[in-house]
Full PDB file with SEQRES, HELIX, SHEET, SSBOND, CRYST1, ORIGX, SCALE, CONECT and MASTER records, all heavy atoms in Angstrom:
SEQRES   1 A   35  THR ASN PHE TYR GLU ASN GLN ASN GLN PRO GLU LYS ALA          
SEQRES   2 A   35  ILE GLY SER LEU GLU GLU GLY GLN ARG ARG LEU GLN ARG          
SEQRES   3 A   35  ASN ALA MET HIS TYR GLN ILE GLY LYS                          
HELIX    1 AA1 ASN A    2  ASN A    6  1                                   5    
HELIX    2 AA2 PRO A   10  LEU A   24  1                                  15    
HELIX    3 AA3 ASN A   27  GLY A   34  1                                   8    
CRYST1    1.000    1.000    1.000  90.00  90.00  90.00 P 1           1          
ORIGX1      1.000000  0.000000  0.000000        0.00000                         
ORIGX2      0.000000  1.000000  0.000000        0.00000                         
ORIGX3      0.000000  0.000000  1.000000        0.00000                         
SCALE1      1.000000  0.000000  0.000000        0.00000                         
SCALE2      0.000000  1.000000  0.000000        0.00000                         
SCALE3      0.000000  0.000000  1.000000        0.00000                         
ATOM      1  N   THR A   1      66.067  61.303 -92.911  1.00  0.00           N  
ATOM      2  CA  THR A   1      66.008  62.462 -92.019  1.00  0.00           C  
ATOM      3  C   THR A   1      67.021  62.331 -90.886  1.00  0.00           C  
ATOM      4  O   THR A   1      67.752  63.277 -90.573  1.00  0.00           O  
ATOM      5  CB  THR A   1      64.591  62.616 -91.434  1.00  0.00           C  
ATOM      6  OG1 THR A   1      63.655  62.795 -92.503  1.00  0.00           O  
ATOM      7  CG2 THR A   1      64.507  63.810 -90.507  1.00  0.00           C  
ATOM      8  N   ASN A   2      67.072  61.158 -90.257  1.00  0.00           N  
ATOM      9  CA  ASN A   2      68.031  60.927 -89.163  1.00  0.00           C  
ATOM     10  C   ASN A   2      69.468  61.081 -89.656  1.00  0.00           C  
ATOM     11  O   ASN A   2      70.330  61.610 -88.943  1.00  0.00           O  
ATOM     12  CB  ASN A   2      67.833  59.546 -88.551  1.00  0.00           C  
ATOM     13  CG  ASN A   2      66.531  59.427 -87.780  1.00  0.00           C  
ATOM     14  OD1 ASN A   2      65.959  60.434 -87.365  1.00  0.00           O  
ATOM     15  ND2 ASN A   2      66.047  58.220 -87.594  1.00  0.00           N  
ATOM     16  N   PHE A   3      69.700  60.603 -90.888  1.00  0.00           N  
ATOM     17  CA  PHE A   3      71.037  60.741 -91.484  1.00  0.00           C  
ATOM     18  C   PHE A   3      71.411  62.212 -91.611  1.00  0.00           C  
ATOM     19  O   PHE A   3      72.513  62.624 -91.220  1.00  0.00           O  
ATOM     20  CB  PHE A   3      71.073  60.062 -92.852  1.00  0.00           C  
ATOM     21  CG  PHE A   3      72.244  60.456 -93.701  1.00  0.00           C  
ATOM     22  CD1 PHE A   3      73.528  60.007 -93.401  1.00  0.00           C  
ATOM     23  CD2 PHE A   3      72.084  61.296 -94.800  1.00  0.00           C  
ATOM     24  CE1 PHE A   3      74.614  60.384 -94.182  1.00  0.00           C  
ATOM     25  CE2 PHE A   3      73.162  61.676 -95.575  1.00  0.00           C  
ATOM     26  CZ  PHE A   3      74.434  61.220 -95.268  1.00  0.00           C  
ATOM     27  N   TYR A   4      70.489  63.019 -92.142  1.00  0.00           N  
ATOM     28  CA  TYR A   4      70.774  64.448 -92.295  1.00  0.00           C  
ATOM     29  C   TYR A   4      71.015  65.121 -90.943  1.00  0.00           C  
ATOM     30  O   TYR A   4      71.892  65.973 -90.809  1.00  0.00           O  
ATOM     31  CB  TYR A   4      69.628  65.145 -93.018  1.00  0.00           C  
ATOM     32  CG  TYR A   4      69.577  64.887 -94.512  1.00  0.00           C  
ATOM     33  CD1 TYR A   4      68.361  64.670 -95.167  1.00  0.00           C  
ATOM     34  CD2 TYR A   4      70.740  64.878 -95.285  1.00  0.00           C  
ATOM     35  CE1 TYR A   4      68.302  64.438 -96.537  1.00  0.00           C  
ATOM     36  CE2 TYR A   4      70.692  64.637 -96.661  1.00  0.00           C  
ATOM     37  CZ  TYR A   4      69.476  64.419 -97.275  1.00  0.00           C  
ATOM     38  OH  TYR A   4      69.420  64.195 -98.630  1.00  0.00           O  
ATOM     39  N   GLU A   5      70.241  64.719 -89.937  1.00  0.00           N  
ATOM     40  CA  GLU A   5      70.452  65.298 -88.603  1.00  0.00           C  
ATOM     41  C   GLU A   5      71.825  64.899 -88.057  1.00  0.00           C  
ATOM     42  O   GLU A   5      72.524  65.720 -87.461  1.00  0.00           O  
ATOM     43  CB  GLU A   5      69.337  64.867 -87.656  1.00  0.00           C  
ATOM     44  CG  GLU A   5      67.998  65.548 -87.933  1.00  0.00           C  
ATOM     45  CD  GLU A   5      67.050  65.442 -86.768  1.00  0.00           C  
ATOM     46  OE1 GLU A   5      67.294  66.075 -85.725  1.00  0.00           O  
ATOM     47  OE2 GLU A   5      66.054  64.700 -86.899  1.00  0.00           O  
ATOM     48  N   ASN A   6      72.193  63.634 -88.254  1.00  0.00           N  
ATOM     49  CA  ASN A   6      73.510  63.177 -87.790  1.00  0.00           C  
ATOM     50  C   ASN A   6      74.644  63.897 -88.512  1.00  0.00           C  
ATOM     51  O   ASN A   6      75.740  64.043 -87.967  1.00  0.00           O  
ATOM     52  CB  ASN A   6      73.653  61.666 -87.990  1.00  0.00           C  
ATOM     53  CG  ASN A   6      72.749  60.873 -87.069  1.00  0.00           C  
ATOM     54  OD1 ASN A   6      72.357  61.358 -86.013  1.00  0.00           O  
ATOM     55  ND2 ASN A   6      72.407  59.653 -87.458  1.00  0.00           N  
ATOM     56  N   GLN A   7      74.369  64.343 -89.748  1.00  0.00           N  
ATOM     57  CA  GLN A   7      75.358  65.088 -90.527  1.00  0.00           C  
ATOM     58  C   GLN A   7      75.285  66.588 -90.253  1.00  0.00           C  
ATOM     59  O   GLN A   7      75.965  67.373 -90.916  1.00  0.00           O  
ATOM     60  CB  GLN A   7      75.128  64.830 -92.029  1.00  0.00           C  
ATOM     61  CG  GLN A   7      75.390  63.401 -92.482  1.00  0.00           C  
ATOM     62  CD  GLN A   7      76.841  63.012 -92.375  1.00  0.00           C  
ATOM     63  OE1 GLN A   7      77.712  63.730 -92.847  1.00  0.00           O  
ATOM     64  NE2 GLN A   7      77.114  61.869 -91.752  1.00  0.00           N  
ATOM     65  N   ASN A   8      74.421  66.967 -89.283  1.00  0.00           N  
ATOM     66  CA  ASN A   8      74.217  68.382 -88.948  1.00  0.00           C  
ATOM     67  C   ASN A   8      73.749  69.180 -90.171  1.00  0.00           C  
ATOM     68  O   ASN A   8      74.245  70.277 -90.448  1.00  0.00           O  
ATOM     69  CB  ASN A   8      75.493  68.994 -88.355  1.00  0.00           C  
ATOM     70  CG  ASN A   8      75.203  70.269 -87.577  1.00  0.00           C  
ATOM     71  OD1 ASN A   8      74.096  70.450 -87.063  1.00  0.00           O  
ATOM     72  ND2 ASN A   8      76.172  71.171 -87.519  1.00  0.00           N  
ATOM     73  N   GLN A   9      72.757  68.613 -90.876  1.00  0.00           N  
ATOM     74  CA  GLN A   9      72.163  69.273 -92.042  1.00  0.00           C  
ATOM     75  C   GLN A   9      70.645  69.382 -91.828  1.00  0.00           C  
ATOM     76  O   GLN A   9      69.860  68.725 -92.517  1.00  0.00           O  
ATOM     77  CB  GLN A   9      72.470  68.474 -93.311  1.00  0.00           C  
ATOM     78  CG  GLN A   9      73.961  68.408 -93.649  1.00  0.00           C  
ATOM     79  CD  GLN A   9      74.238  67.568 -94.885  1.00  0.00           C  
ATOM     80  OE1 GLN A   9      73.747  66.446 -95.031  1.00  0.00           O  
ATOM     81  NE2 GLN A   9      75.027  68.109 -95.794  1.00  0.00           N  
ATOM     82  N   PRO A  10      70.230  70.217 -90.858  1.00  0.00           N  
ATOM     83  CA  PRO A  10      68.803  70.281 -90.524  1.00  0.00           C  
ATOM     84  C   PRO A  10      67.911  70.766 -91.653  1.00  0.00           C  
ATOM     85  O   PRO A  10      66.759  70.342 -91.764  1.00  0.00           O  
ATOM     86  CB  PRO A  10      68.770  71.247 -89.342  1.00  0.00           C  
ATOM     87  CG  PRO A  10      70.029  72.044 -89.433  1.00  0.00           C  
ATOM     88  CD  PRO A  10      71.043  71.111 -90.015  1.00  0.00           C  
ATOM     89  N   GLU A  11      68.434  71.650 -92.518  1.00  0.00           N  
ATOM     90  CA  GLU A  11      67.620  72.145 -93.642  1.00  0.00           C  
ATOM     91  C   GLU A  11      67.249  70.986 -94.566  1.00  0.00           C  
ATOM     92  O   GLU A  11      66.110  70.882 -95.033  1.00  0.00           O  
ATOM     93  CB  GLU A  11      68.383  73.224 -94.422  1.00  0.00           C  
ATOM     94  CG  GLU A  11      68.800  74.432 -93.601  1.00  0.00           C  
ATOM     95  CD  GLU A  11      67.653  75.412 -93.370  1.00  0.00           C  
ATOM     96  OE1 GLU A  11      66.553  75.166 -93.879  1.00  0.00           O  
ATOM     97  OE2 GLU A  11      67.883  76.417 -92.654  1.00  0.00           O  
ATOM     98  N   LYS A  12      68.212  70.114 -94.827  1.00  0.00           N  
ATOM     99  CA  LYS A  12      67.935  68.942 -95.666  1.00  0.00           C  
ATOM    100  C   LYS A  12      66.984  67.980 -94.958  1.00  0.00           C  
ATOM    101  O   LYS A  12      66.132  67.338 -95.599  1.00  0.00           O  
ATOM    102  CB  LYS A  12      69.236  68.209 -96.027  1.00  0.00           C  
ATOM    103  CG  LYS A  12      70.042  68.893 -97.108  1.00  0.00           C  
ATOM    104  CD  LYS A  12      71.174  67.979 -97.576  1.00  0.00           C  
ATOM    105  CE  LYS A  12      71.873  68.548 -98.802  1.00  0.00           C  
ATOM    106  NZ  LYS A  12      72.911  67.614 -99.323  1.00  0.00           N  
ATOM    107  N   ALA A  13      67.121  67.865 -93.630  1.00  0.00           N  
ATOM    108  CA  ALA A  13      66.216  67.001 -92.866  1.00  0.00           C  
ATOM    109  C   ALA A  13      64.774  67.489 -93.006  1.00  0.00           C  
ATOM    110  O   ALA A  13      63.850  66.699 -93.236  1.00  0.00           O  
ATOM    111  CB  ALA A  13      66.628  66.978 -91.396  1.00  0.00           C  
ATOM    112  N   ILE A  14      64.587  68.803 -92.896  1.00  0.00           N  
ATOM    113  CA  ILE A  14      63.238  69.377 -93.040  1.00  0.00           C  
ATOM    114  C   ILE A  14      62.720  69.143 -94.448  1.00  0.00           C  
ATOM    115  O   ILE A  14      61.555  68.773 -94.649  1.00  0.00           O  
ATOM    116  CB  ILE A  14      63.263  70.880 -92.696  1.00  0.00           C  
ATOM    117  CG1 ILE A  14      63.507  71.071 -91.199  1.00  0.00           C  
ATOM    118  CG2 ILE A  14      61.949  71.559 -93.109  1.00  0.00           C  
ATOM    119  CD1 ILE A  14      63.803  72.503 -90.784  1.00  0.00           C  
ATOM    120  N   GLY A  15      63.587  69.333 -95.446  1.00  0.00           N  
ATOM    121  CA  GLY A  15      63.179  69.098 -96.842  1.00  0.00           C  
ATOM    122  C   GLY A  15      62.725  67.674 -97.070  1.00  0.00           C  
ATOM    123  O   GLY A  15      61.718  67.423 -97.755  1.00  0.00           O  
ATOM    124  N   SER A  16      63.450  66.714 -96.489  1.00  0.00           N  
ATOM    125  CA  SER A  16      63.093  65.300 -96.614  1.00  0.00           C  
ATOM    126  C   SER A  16      61.729  65.025 -95.984  1.00  0.00           C  
ATOM    127  O   SER A  16      60.886  64.324 -96.559  1.00  0.00           O  
ATOM    128  CB  SER A  16      64.169  64.444 -95.940  1.00  0.00           C  
ATOM    129  OG  SER A  16      63.755  63.108 -95.781  1.00  0.00           O  
ATOM    130  N   LEU A  17      61.514  65.593 -94.795  1.00  0.00           N  
ATOM    131  CA  LEU A  17      60.232  65.389 -94.104  1.00  0.00           C  
ATOM    132  C   LEU A  17      59.070  66.034 -94.862  1.00  0.00           C  
ATOM    133  O   LEU A  17      57.976  65.464 -94.935  1.00  0.00           O  
ATOM    134  CB  LEU A  17      60.316  65.959 -92.680  1.00  0.00           C  
ATOM    135  CG  LEU A  17      61.167  65.150 -91.698  1.00  0.00           C  
ATOM    136  CD1 LEU A  17      61.499  65.973 -90.470  1.00  0.00           C  
ATOM    137  CD2 LEU A  17      60.446  63.858 -91.304  1.00  0.00           C  
ATOM    138  N   GLU A  18      59.304  67.207 -95.422  1.00  0.00           N  
ATOM    139  CA  GLU A  18      58.245  67.869 -96.194  1.00  0.00           C  
ATOM    140  C   GLU A  18      57.883  67.055 -97.431  1.00  0.00           C  
ATOM    141  O   GLU A  18      56.705  66.919 -97.776  1.00  0.00           O  
ATOM    142  CB  GLU A  18      58.685  69.276 -96.591  1.00  0.00           C  
ATOM    143  CG  GLU A  18      58.704  70.252 -95.431  1.00  0.00           C  
ATOM    144  CD  GLU A  18      59.108  71.649 -95.846  1.00  0.00           C  
ATOM    145  OE1 GLU A  18      60.148  71.800 -96.520  1.00  0.00           O  
ATOM    146  OE2 GLU A  18      58.375  72.594 -95.510  1.00  0.00           O  
ATOM    147  N   GLU A  19      58.901  66.496 -98.069  1.00  0.00           N  
ATOM    148  CA  GLU A  19      58.656  65.625 -99.226  1.00  0.00           C  
ATOM    149  C   GLU A  19      57.823  64.411 -98.808  1.00  0.00           C  
ATOM    150  O   GLU A  19      56.867  64.020 -99.485  1.00  0.00           O  
ATOM    151  CB  GLU A  19      59.999  65.168 -99.806  1.00  0.00           C  
ATOM    152  CG  GLU A  19      59.882  64.219-101.003  1.00  0.00           C  
ATOM    153  CD  GLU A  19      61.236  63.631-101.391  1.00  0.00           C  
ATOM    154  OE1 GLU A  19      62.263  64.348-101.314  1.00  0.00           O  
ATOM    155  OE2 GLU A  19      61.269  62.437-101.758  1.00  0.00           O  
ATOM    156  N   GLY A  20      58.191  63.820 -97.670  1.00  0.00           N  
ATOM    157  CA  GLY A  20      57.442  62.667 -97.159  1.00  0.00           C  
ATOM    158  C   GLY A  20      56.013  63.021 -96.804  1.00  0.00           C  
ATOM    159  O   GLY A  20      55.087  62.248 -97.073  1.00  0.00           O  
ATOM    160  N   GLN A  21      55.831  64.179 -96.190  1.00  0.00           N  
ATOM    161  CA  GLN A  21      54.478  64.613 -95.815  1.00  0.00           C  
ATOM    162  C   GLN A  21      53.600  64.813 -97.051  1.00  0.00           C  
ATOM    163  O   GLN A  21      52.441  64.402 -97.087  1.00  0.00           O  
ATOM    164  CB  GLN A  21      54.557  65.904 -94.990  1.00  0.00           C  
ATOM    165  CG  GLN A  21      53.250  66.638 -94.770  1.00  0.00           C  
ATOM    166  CD  GLN A  21      52.203  65.803 -94.057  1.00  0.00           C  
ATOM    167  OE1 GLN A  21      52.514  64.817 -93.414  1.00  0.00           O  
ATOM    168  NE2 GLN A  21      50.958  66.190 -94.202  1.00  0.00           N  
ATOM    169  N   ARG A  22      54.153  65.435 -98.089  1.00  0.00           N  
ATOM    170  CA  ARG A  22      53.377  65.641 -99.337  1.00  0.00           C  
ATOM    171  C   ARG A  22      53.003  64.300 -99.957  1.00  0.00           C  
ATOM    172  O   ARG A  22      51.889  64.130-100.464  1.00  0.00           O  
ATOM    173  CB  ARG A  22      54.197  66.464-100.340  1.00  0.00           C  
ATOM    174  CG  ARG A  22      54.293  67.944-100.001  1.00  0.00           C  
ATOM    175  CD  ARG A  22      54.834  68.741-101.175  1.00  0.00           C  
ATOM    176  NE  ARG A  22      56.178  68.332-101.553  1.00  0.00           N  
ATOM    177  CZ  ARG A  22      57.290  68.847-101.028  1.00  0.00           C  
ATOM    178  NH1 ARG A  22      57.209  69.787-100.103  1.00  0.00           N  
ATOM    179  NH2 ARG A  22      58.481  68.428-101.437  1.00  0.00           N  
ATOM    180  N   ARG A  23      53.924  63.353 -99.879  1.00  0.00           N  
ATOM    181  CA  ARG A  23      53.706  62.057-100.544  1.00  0.00           C  
ATOM    182  C   ARG A  23      52.805  61.129 -99.736  1.00  0.00           C  
ATOM    183  O   ARG A  23      51.952  60.439-100.296  1.00  0.00           O  
ATOM    184  CB  ARG A  23      55.068  61.399-100.778  1.00  0.00           C  
ATOM    185  CG  ARG A  23      55.013  60.076-101.519  1.00  0.00           C  
ATOM    186  CD  ARG A  23      56.421  59.635-101.867  1.00  0.00           C  
ATOM    187  NE  ARG A  23      56.457  58.340-102.510  1.00  0.00           N  
ATOM    188  CZ  ARG A  23      57.569  57.734-102.917  1.00  0.00           C  
ATOM    189  NH1 ARG A  23      58.737  58.337-102.762  1.00  0.00           N  
ATOM    190  NH2 ARG A  23      57.528  56.545-103.487  1.00  0.00           N  
ATOM    191  N   LEU A  24      52.989  61.134 -98.410  1.00  0.00           N  
ATOM    192  CA  LEU A  24      52.318  60.143 -97.567  1.00  0.00           C  
ATOM    193  C   LEU A  24      51.159  60.694 -96.753  1.00  0.00           C  
ATOM    194  O   LEU A  24      50.340  59.917 -96.256  1.00  0.00           O  
ATOM    195  CB  LEU A  24      53.339  59.504 -96.611  1.00  0.00           C  
ATOM    196  CG  LEU A  24      54.523  58.797 -97.279  1.00  0.00           C  
ATOM    197  CD1 LEU A  24      55.551  58.401 -96.243  1.00  0.00           C  
ATOM    198  CD2 LEU A  24      54.062  57.585 -98.070  1.00  0.00           C  
ATOM    199  N   GLN A  25      51.114  62.016 -96.595  1.00  0.00           N  
ATOM    200  CA  GLN A  25      50.045  62.652 -95.817  1.00  0.00           C  
ATOM    201  C   GLN A  25      49.938  62.050 -94.411  1.00  0.00           C  
ATOM    202  O   GLN A  25      48.871  61.664 -93.966  1.00  0.00           O  
ATOM    203  CB  GLN A  25      48.699  62.534 -96.556  1.00  0.00           C  
ATOM    204  CG  GLN A  25      48.637  63.267 -97.883  1.00  0.00           C  
ATOM    205  CD  GLN A  25      48.746  64.773 -97.729  1.00  0.00           C  
ATOM    206  OE1 GLN A  25      47.967  65.386 -97.012  1.00  0.00           O  
ATOM    207  NE2 GLN A  25      49.727  65.369 -98.400  1.00  0.00           N  
ATOM    208  N   ARG A  26      51.071  61.985 -93.718  1.00  0.00           N  
ATOM    209  CA  ARG A  26      51.103  61.455 -92.352  1.00  0.00           C  
ATOM    210  C   ARG A  26      51.235  62.605 -91.354  1.00  0.00           C  
ATOM    211  O   ARG A  26      52.196  63.389 -91.424  1.00  0.00           O  
ATOM    212  CB  ARG A  26      52.274  60.486 -92.169  1.00  0.00           C  
ATOM    213  CG  ARG A  26      52.181  59.226 -93.035  1.00  0.00           C  
ATOM    214  CD  ARG A  26      51.018  58.341 -92.614  1.00  0.00           C  
ATOM    215  NE  ARG A  26      50.914  57.172 -93.461  1.00  0.00           N  
ATOM    216  CZ  ARG A  26      51.546  56.016 -93.217  1.00  0.00           C  
ATOM    217  NH1 ARG A  26      52.314  55.901 -92.142  1.00  0.00           N  
ATOM    218  NH2 ARG A  26      51.406  54.993 -94.033  1.00  0.00           N  
ATOM    219  N   ASN A  27      50.291  62.676 -90.430  1.00  0.00           N  
ATOM    220  CA  ASN A  27      50.320  63.755 -89.445  1.00  0.00           C  
ATOM    221  C   ASN A  27      51.592  63.722 -88.603  1.00  0.00           C  
ATOM    222  O   ASN A  27      52.119  64.766 -88.206  1.00  0.00           O  
ATOM    223  CB  ASN A  27      49.087  63.664 -88.538  1.00  0.00           C  
ATOM    224  CG  ASN A  27      48.937  64.880 -87.633  1.00  0.00           C  
ATOM    225  OD1 ASN A  27      49.153  65.996 -88.076  1.00  0.00           O  
ATOM    226  ND2 ASN A  27      48.578  64.662 -86.392  1.00  0.00           N  
ATOM    227  N   ALA A  28      52.104  62.507 -88.320  1.00  0.00           N  
ATOM    228  CA  ALA A  28      53.313  62.380 -87.503  1.00  0.00           C  
ATOM    229  C   ALA A  28      54.480  63.168 -88.090  1.00  0.00           C  
ATOM    230  O   ALA A  28      55.364  63.635 -87.357  1.00  0.00           O  
ATOM    231  CB  ALA A  28      53.690  60.913 -87.355  1.00  0.00           C  
ATOM    232  N   MET A  29      54.492  63.344 -89.401  1.00  0.00           N  
ATOM    233  CA  MET A  29      55.587  64.083 -90.035  1.00  0.00           C  
ATOM    234  C   MET A  29      55.508  65.571 -89.728  1.00  0.00           C  
ATOM    235  O   MET A  29      56.533  66.258 -89.745  1.00  0.00           O  
ATOM    236  CB  MET A  29      55.604  63.819 -91.539  1.00  0.00           C  
ATOM    237  CG  MET A  29      56.127  62.431 -91.873  1.00  0.00           C  
ATOM    238  SD  MET A  29      56.293  62.137 -93.625  1.00  0.00           S  
ATOM    239  CE  MET A  29      57.390  60.717 -93.624  1.00  0.00           C  
ATOM    240  N   HIS A  30      54.301  66.089 -89.448  1.00  0.00           N  
ATOM    241  CA  HIS A  30      54.193  67.473 -88.996  1.00  0.00           C  
ATOM    242  C   HIS A  30      55.005  67.658 -87.708  1.00  0.00           C  
ATOM    243  O   HIS A  30      55.721  68.641 -87.544  1.00  0.00           O  
ATOM    244  CB  HIS A  30      52.724  67.840 -88.718  1.00  0.00           C  
ATOM    245  CG  HIS A  30      51.934  68.124 -89.954  1.00  0.00           C  
ATOM    246  ND1 HIS A  30      50.694  67.573 -90.183  1.00  0.00           N  
ATOM    247  CD2 HIS A  30      52.204  68.905 -91.022  1.00  0.00           C  
ATOM    248  CE1 HIS A  30      50.233  68.007 -91.342  1.00  0.00           C  
ATOM    249  NE2 HIS A  30      51.137  68.810 -91.876  1.00  0.00           N  
ATOM    250  N   TYR A  31      54.861  66.691 -86.803  1.00  0.00           N  
ATOM    251  CA  TYR A  31      55.598  66.771 -85.546  1.00  0.00           C  
ATOM    252  C   TYR A  31      57.104  66.743 -85.804  1.00  0.00           C  
ATOM    253  O   TYR A  31      57.866  67.523 -85.217  1.00  0.00           O  
ATOM    254  CB  TYR A  31      55.216  65.632 -84.594  1.00  0.00           C  
ATOM    255  CG  TYR A  31      56.107  65.587 -83.376  1.00  0.00           C  
ATOM    256  CD1 TYR A  31      55.892  66.455 -82.307  1.00  0.00           C  
ATOM    257  CD2 TYR A  31      57.204  64.725 -83.320  1.00  0.00           C  
ATOM    258  CE1 TYR A  31      56.744  66.457 -81.206  1.00  0.00           C  
ATOM    259  CE2 TYR A  31      58.055  64.721 -82.227  1.00  0.00           C  
ATOM    260  CZ  TYR A  31      57.823  65.591 -81.178  1.00  0.00           C  
ATOM    261  OH  TYR A  31      58.674  65.601 -80.105  1.00  0.00           O  
ATOM    262  N   GLN A  32      57.548  65.825 -86.681  1.00  0.00           N  
ATOM    263  CA  GLN A  32      58.978  65.681 -86.932  1.00  0.00           C  
ATOM    264  C   GLN A  32      59.581  66.954 -87.522  1.00  0.00           C  
ATOM    265  O   GLN A  32      60.698  67.346 -87.179  1.00  0.00           O  
ATOM    266  CB  GLN A  32      59.230  64.485 -87.857  1.00  0.00           C  
ATOM    267  CG  GLN A  32      58.861  63.142 -87.265  1.00  0.00           C  
ATOM    268  CD  GLN A  32      59.628  62.805 -86.002  1.00  0.00           C  
ATOM    269  OE1 GLN A  32      60.772  63.219 -85.838  1.00  0.00           O  
ATOM    270  NE2 GLN A  32      59.003  62.070 -85.098  1.00  0.00           N  
ATOM    271  N   ILE A  33      58.833  67.615 -88.413  1.00  0.00           N  
ATOM    272  CA  ILE A  33      59.310  68.886 -88.980  1.00  0.00           C  
ATOM    273  C   ILE A  33      59.462  69.919 -87.864  1.00  0.00           C  
ATOM    274  O   ILE A  33      60.483  70.596 -87.754  1.00  0.00           O  
ATOM    275  CB  ILE A  33      58.349  69.405 -90.070  1.00  0.00           C  
ATOM    276  CG1 ILE A  33      58.346  68.455 -91.277  1.00  0.00           C  
ATOM    277  CG2 ILE A  33      58.738  70.824 -90.512  1.00  0.00           C  
ATOM    278  CD1 ILE A  33      57.230  68.711 -92.277  1.00  0.00           C  
ATOM    279  N   GLY A  34      58.415  70.026 -87.027  1.00  0.00           N  
ATOM    280  CA  GLY A  34      58.468  70.965 -85.912  1.00  0.00           C  
ATOM    281  C   GLY A  34      59.604  70.670 -84.960  1.00  0.00           C  
ATOM    282  O   GLY A  34      60.250  71.592 -84.437  1.00  0.00           O  
ATOM    283  N   LYS A  35      59.873  69.409 -84.727  1.00  0.00           N  
ATOM    284  CA  LYS A  35      60.960  68.985 -83.831  1.00  0.00           C  
ATOM    285  C   LYS A  35      62.308  69.476 -84.344  1.00  0.00           C  
ATOM    286  O   LYS A  35      63.116  70.021 -83.586  1.00  0.00           O  
ATOM    287  CB  LYS A  35      60.960  67.467 -83.700  1.00  0.00           C  
ATOM    288  CG  LYS A  35      62.142  66.888 -82.930  1.00  0.00           C  
ATOM    289  CD  LYS A  35      62.083  65.369 -82.944  1.00  0.00           C  
ATOM    290  CE  LYS A  35      63.303  64.757 -82.270  1.00  0.00           C  
ATOM    291  NZ  LYS A  35      64.565  65.007 -83.009  1.00  0.00           N  
TER     292      LYS A  35                                                      
MASTER        0    0    0    3    0    0    0    6  291    1    0    3          
END                                                                             
């Protein structure tokens, strides 16, 4: 996610976080998506 943000690819960053949230069910990832 940080890599995608550094590359100015926020859509991919959100996609990565959503994939992680589905797989890991971590509430913290909700925050990261919103951020």
